[in-house]
Amino acid sequence: MTLCITSNLAGLAYSTFIGGAGNEMGRDNSMDGYGKYYIIGQTNGAGWPLVNAYQTVFQGAPNDNTIAVFSPQVARAKVWPLSQ
């Protein structure tokens, strides 16, 4: 689950869930100066949501690495899986 709090910390701007059919794990996260929120992690299953993916299928290794990018407009997330 990803939660975005308003800049004045007064409330919830949005929340969402991202995941697939396996076990997903967030390893790190960051926000850039433009308000884009990045989550770096891993998945061990198929079904991870993809937009403009470098790798379009789970490679069957113990885990595939992932990067999810959320824009401040929350119109659409971009998600890239990266093989180990």
C-alpha atoms as a PDB file:
ATOM      1  CA  MET A   1       0.000   0.000   0.000  1.00  0.00           C
ATOM      2  CA  THR A   2       1.248   3.461  -0.867  1.00  0.00           C
ATOM      3  CA  LEU A   3      -0.065   6.517   0.952  1.00  0.00           C
ATOM      4  CA  CYS A   4       0.602  10.111  -0.059  1.00  0.00           C
ATOM      5  CA  ILE A   5       0.076  12.739   2.631  1.00  0.00           C
ATOM      6  CA  THR A   6      -0.668  16.355   1.707  1.00  0.00           C
ATOM      7  CA  SER A   7       2.288  18.745   1.824  1.00  0.00           C
ATOM      8  CA  ASN A   8       0.964  20.435   4.967  1.00  0.00           C
ATOM      9  CA  LEU A   9       0.544  17.009   6.628  1.00  0.00           C
ATOM     10  CA  ALA A  10      -3.137  17.765   7.191  1.00  0.00           C
ATOM     11  CA  GLY A  11      -4.575  14.800   5.346  1.00  0.00           C
ATOM     12  CA  LEU A  12      -4.369  12.024   2.834  1.00  0.00           C
ATOM     13  CA  ALA A  13      -3.837  13.133  -0.783  1.00  0.00           C
ATOM     14  CA  TYR A  14      -4.261   9.608  -2.207  1.00  0.00           C
ATOM     15  CA  SER A  15      -3.538   5.968  -1.556  1.00  0.00           C
ATOM     16  CA  THR A  16      -3.083   2.970  -3.822  1.00  0.00           C
ATOM     17  CA  PHE A  17      -2.015  -0.644  -3.834  1.00  0.00           C
ATOM     18  CA  ILE A  18       0.505  -2.064  -6.270  1.00  0.00           C
ATOM     19  CA  GLY A  19       1.355  -5.723  -6.637  1.00  0.00           C
ATOM     20  CA  GLY A  20       1.031  -8.886  -8.646  1.00  0.00           C
ATOM     21  CA  ALA A  21       0.396 -12.573  -8.101  1.00  0.00           C
ATOM     22  CA  GLY A  22       3.542 -13.198  -6.064  1.00  0.00           C
ATOM     23  CA  ASN A  23       5.178 -11.800  -2.965  1.00  0.00           C
ATOM     24  CA  GLU A  24       6.224  -8.198  -3.465  1.00  0.00           C
ATOM     25  CA  MET A  25       8.663  -6.348  -1.272  1.00  0.00           C
ATOM     26  CA  GLY A  26       9.549  -2.662  -1.251  1.00  0.00           C
ATOM     27  CA  ARG A  27      13.265  -2.168  -0.655  1.00  0.00           C
ATOM     28  CA  ASP A  28      13.593   1.608  -0.913  1.00  0.00           C
ATOM     29  CA  ASN A  29      11.615   4.705  -1.869  1.00  0.00           C
ATOM     30  CA  SER A  30      12.281   8.304  -2.746  1.00  0.00           C
ATOM     31  CA  MET A  31      10.590  11.452  -3.993  1.00  0.00           C
ATOM     32  CA  ASP A  32      12.195  13.803  -6.496  1.00  0.00           C
ATOM     33  CA  GLY A  33      11.883  17.573  -6.722  1.00  0.00           C
ATOM     34  CA  TYR A  34       8.953  17.273  -9.138  1.00  0.00           C
ATOM     35  CA  GLY A  35       6.821  15.265  -6.724  1.00  0.00           C
ATOM     36  CA  LYS A  36       7.330  11.904  -8.426  1.00  0.00           C
ATOM     37  CA  TYR A  37       7.429   9.045  -5.939  1.00  0.00           C
ATOM     38  CA  TYR A  38       9.673   6.045  -6.658  1.00  0.00           C
ATOM     39  CA  ILE A  39       9.447   2.595  -5.080  1.00  0.00           C
ATOM     40  CA  ILE A  40      12.249   0.115  -5.719  1.00  0.00           C
ATOM     41  CA  GLY A  41      11.560  -3.482  -4.795  1.00  0.00           C
ATOM     42  CA  GLN A  42      11.216  -7.110  -5.828  1.00  0.00           C
ATOM     43  CA  THR A  43       8.572  -9.591  -6.899  1.00  0.00           C
ATOM     44  CA  ASN A  44       8.685 -13.360  -7.182  1.00  0.00           C
ATOM     45  CA  GLY A  45       5.620 -13.835  -9.341  1.00  0.00           C
ATOM     46  CA  ALA A  46       3.865 -12.910 -12.538  1.00  0.00           C
ATOM     47  CA  GLY A  47       1.128 -10.320 -12.808  1.00  0.00           C
ATOM     48  CA  TRP A  48       3.120  -7.220 -11.926  1.00  0.00           C
ATOM     49  CA  PRO A  49       1.425  -4.258 -13.676  1.00  0.00           C
ATOM     50  CA  LEU A  50       3.508  -3.003 -16.595  1.00  0.00           C
ATOM     51  CA  VAL A  51       3.727   0.259 -18.530  1.00  0.00           C
ATOM     52  CA  ASN A  52       6.614   0.711 -20.981  1.00  0.00           C
ATOM     53  CA  ALA A  53       8.393  -2.267 -19.419  1.00  0.00           C
ATOM     54  CA  TYR A  54      12.013  -3.114 -20.188  1.00  0.00           C
ATOM     55  CA  GLN A  55      11.230  -6.742 -19.353  1.00  0.00           C
ATOM     56  CA  THR A  56       7.659  -7.809 -20.080  1.00  0.00           C
ATOM     57  CA  VAL A  57       7.506 -11.207 -18.325  1.00  0.00           C
ATOM     58  CA  PHE A  58       8.700 -12.663 -15.033  1.00  0.00           C
ATOM     59  CA  GLN A  59      12.027 -14.380 -15.729  1.00  0.00           C
ATOM     60  CA  GLY A  60      11.637 -17.182 -13.168  1.00  0.00           C
ATOM     61  CA  ALA A  61      14.607 -16.222 -11.018  1.00  0.00           C
ATOM     62  CA  PRO A  62      13.998 -16.190  -7.283  1.00  0.00           C
ATOM     63  CA  ASN A  63      13.043 -12.507  -7.635  1.00  0.00           C
ATOM     64  CA  ASP A  64      12.765  -9.847 -10.311  1.00  0.00           C
ATOM     65  CA  ASN A  65      13.624  -6.286  -9.320  1.00  0.00           C
ATOM     66  CA  THR A  66      10.995  -3.600  -9.862  1.00  0.00           C
ATOM     67  CA  ILE A  67      10.743   0.169 -10.044  1.00  0.00           C
ATOM     68  CA  ALA A  68       7.379   1.898  -9.676  1.00  0.00           C
ATOM     69  CA  VAL A  69       6.992   5.623 -10.379  1.00  0.00           C
ATOM     70  CA  PHE A  70       3.917   7.562  -9.256  1.00  0.00           C
ATOM     71  CA  SER A  71       3.277  11.047 -10.608  1.00  0.00           C
ATOM     72  CA  PRO A  72       1.851  13.803  -8.402  1.00  0.00           C
ATOM     73  CA  GLN A  73      -1.240  13.842 -10.626  1.00  0.00           C
ATOM     74  CA  VAL A  74      -1.805  10.121  -9.862  1.00  0.00           C
ATOM     75  CA  ALA A  75      -3.190   9.734 -13.363  1.00  0.00           C
ATOM     76  CA  ARG A  76      -1.022   6.767 -14.154  1.00  0.00           C
ATOM     77  CA  ALA A  77       1.862   4.880 -12.597  1.00  0.00           C
ATOM     78  CA  LYS A  78       4.817   3.697 -14.626  1.00  0.00           C
ATOM     79  CA  VAL A  79       6.249   0.375 -13.535  1.00  0.00           C
ATOM     80  CA  TRP A  80       9.400  -1.340 -14.760  1.00  0.00           C
ATOM     81  CA  PRO A  81      10.553  -4.844 -13.784  1.00  0.00           C
ATOM     82  CA  LEU A  82      14.288  -5.405 -14.072  1.00  0.00           C
ATOM     83  CA  SER A  83      15.840  -8.871 -14.074  1.00  0.00           C
ATOM     84  CA  GLN A  84      18.528  -9.629 -11.535  1.00  0.00           C
END
